[in-house]
Protein backbone atom coordinates (compact mmCIF):
# COMPACT_ATOMS: atom_id res chain seq x y z
CA MET A 1 49.34 74.60 -11.23
CA PHE A 2 46.49 75.55 -13.50
CA LEU A 3 48.68 76.79 -16.39
CA PRO A 4 51.10 74.95 -18.68
CA CYS A 5 54.81 75.66 -18.26
CA GLN A 6 56.36 77.57 -21.11
CA VAL A 7 59.84 76.38 -20.08
CA CYS A 8 59.43 72.58 -19.88
CA ASP A 9 56.00 72.12 -21.54
CA SER A 10 54.42 70.50 -18.48
CA VAL A 11 50.65 70.56 -18.76
CA PRO A 12 48.27 71.87 -16.09
CA GLY A 13 48.31 69.54 -13.09
CA GLU A 14 51.87 68.33 -13.72
CA ARG A 15 55.01 69.41 -11.90
CA CYS A 16 57.77 71.03 -13.88
CA ILE A 17 60.77 68.97 -14.94
CA ASN A 18 64.45 69.86 -15.23
CA VAL A 19 65.48 71.01 -18.68
CA PRO A 20 68.89 72.18 -19.89
CA GLY A 21 69.50 75.76 -18.81
CA HIS A 22 66.49 75.78 -16.46
CA PRO A 23 67.18 73.57 -13.43
CA LEU A 24 64.56 73.44 -10.71
CA ALA A 25 66.94 73.28 -7.72
CA ASN A 26 64.64 72.94 -4.67
CA THR A 27 61.37 74.04 -6.27
CA THR A 28 58.61 72.12 -8.05
CA LEU A 29 57.72 74.87 -10.56
CA HIS A 30 59.78 77.08 -12.84
CA PRO A 31 59.73 80.74 -11.77
CA GLN A 32 58.40 81.74 -15.20
CA ARG A 33 55.34 79.54 -14.68
CA VAL A 34 54.70 81.05 -11.25
CA GLN A 35 55.04 84.57 -12.65
CA LEU A 36 52.62 83.78 -15.47
CA ALA A 37 50.08 82.44 -12.96
CA GLU A 38 50.43 85.57 -10.83
CA ARG A 39 49.86 87.75 -13.89
CA ALA A 40 46.82 85.69 -14.89
CA LEU A 41 45.30 86.01 -11.43
CA ARG A 42 45.82 89.80 -11.52
CA GLY A 43 44.09 89.92 -14.92
CA GLU A 44 47.20 91.05 -16.83
CA VAL A 45 47.04 88.02 -19.15
CA PRO A 46 43.97 86.00 -20.08
CA LEU A 47 43.10 82.85 -18.20
CA PRO A 48 42.99 79.61 -20.19
CA SER A 49 39.60 79.11 -21.85
CA SER A 50 38.88 76.15 -19.53
CA LEU A 51 39.03 78.54 -16.53
CA ALA A 52 37.55 81.71 -18.01
C-alpha cells in the first residue's frame, strides 16, 4: 500500500498489524486504509508528496 495506515501507524510498504479494537481477521490491510487509498486515487484527498 502506498499510504500509511491511520489505524495502526504502518508506513507505506508495510502490512497492517492487529491493534486493540481493530482486528484484521482475514485481511492484510485495515478497511480505513483501503478507503483512504480509494479516495486518494479518485482525487478526493491529496496524494502523499512523494507520489504527487
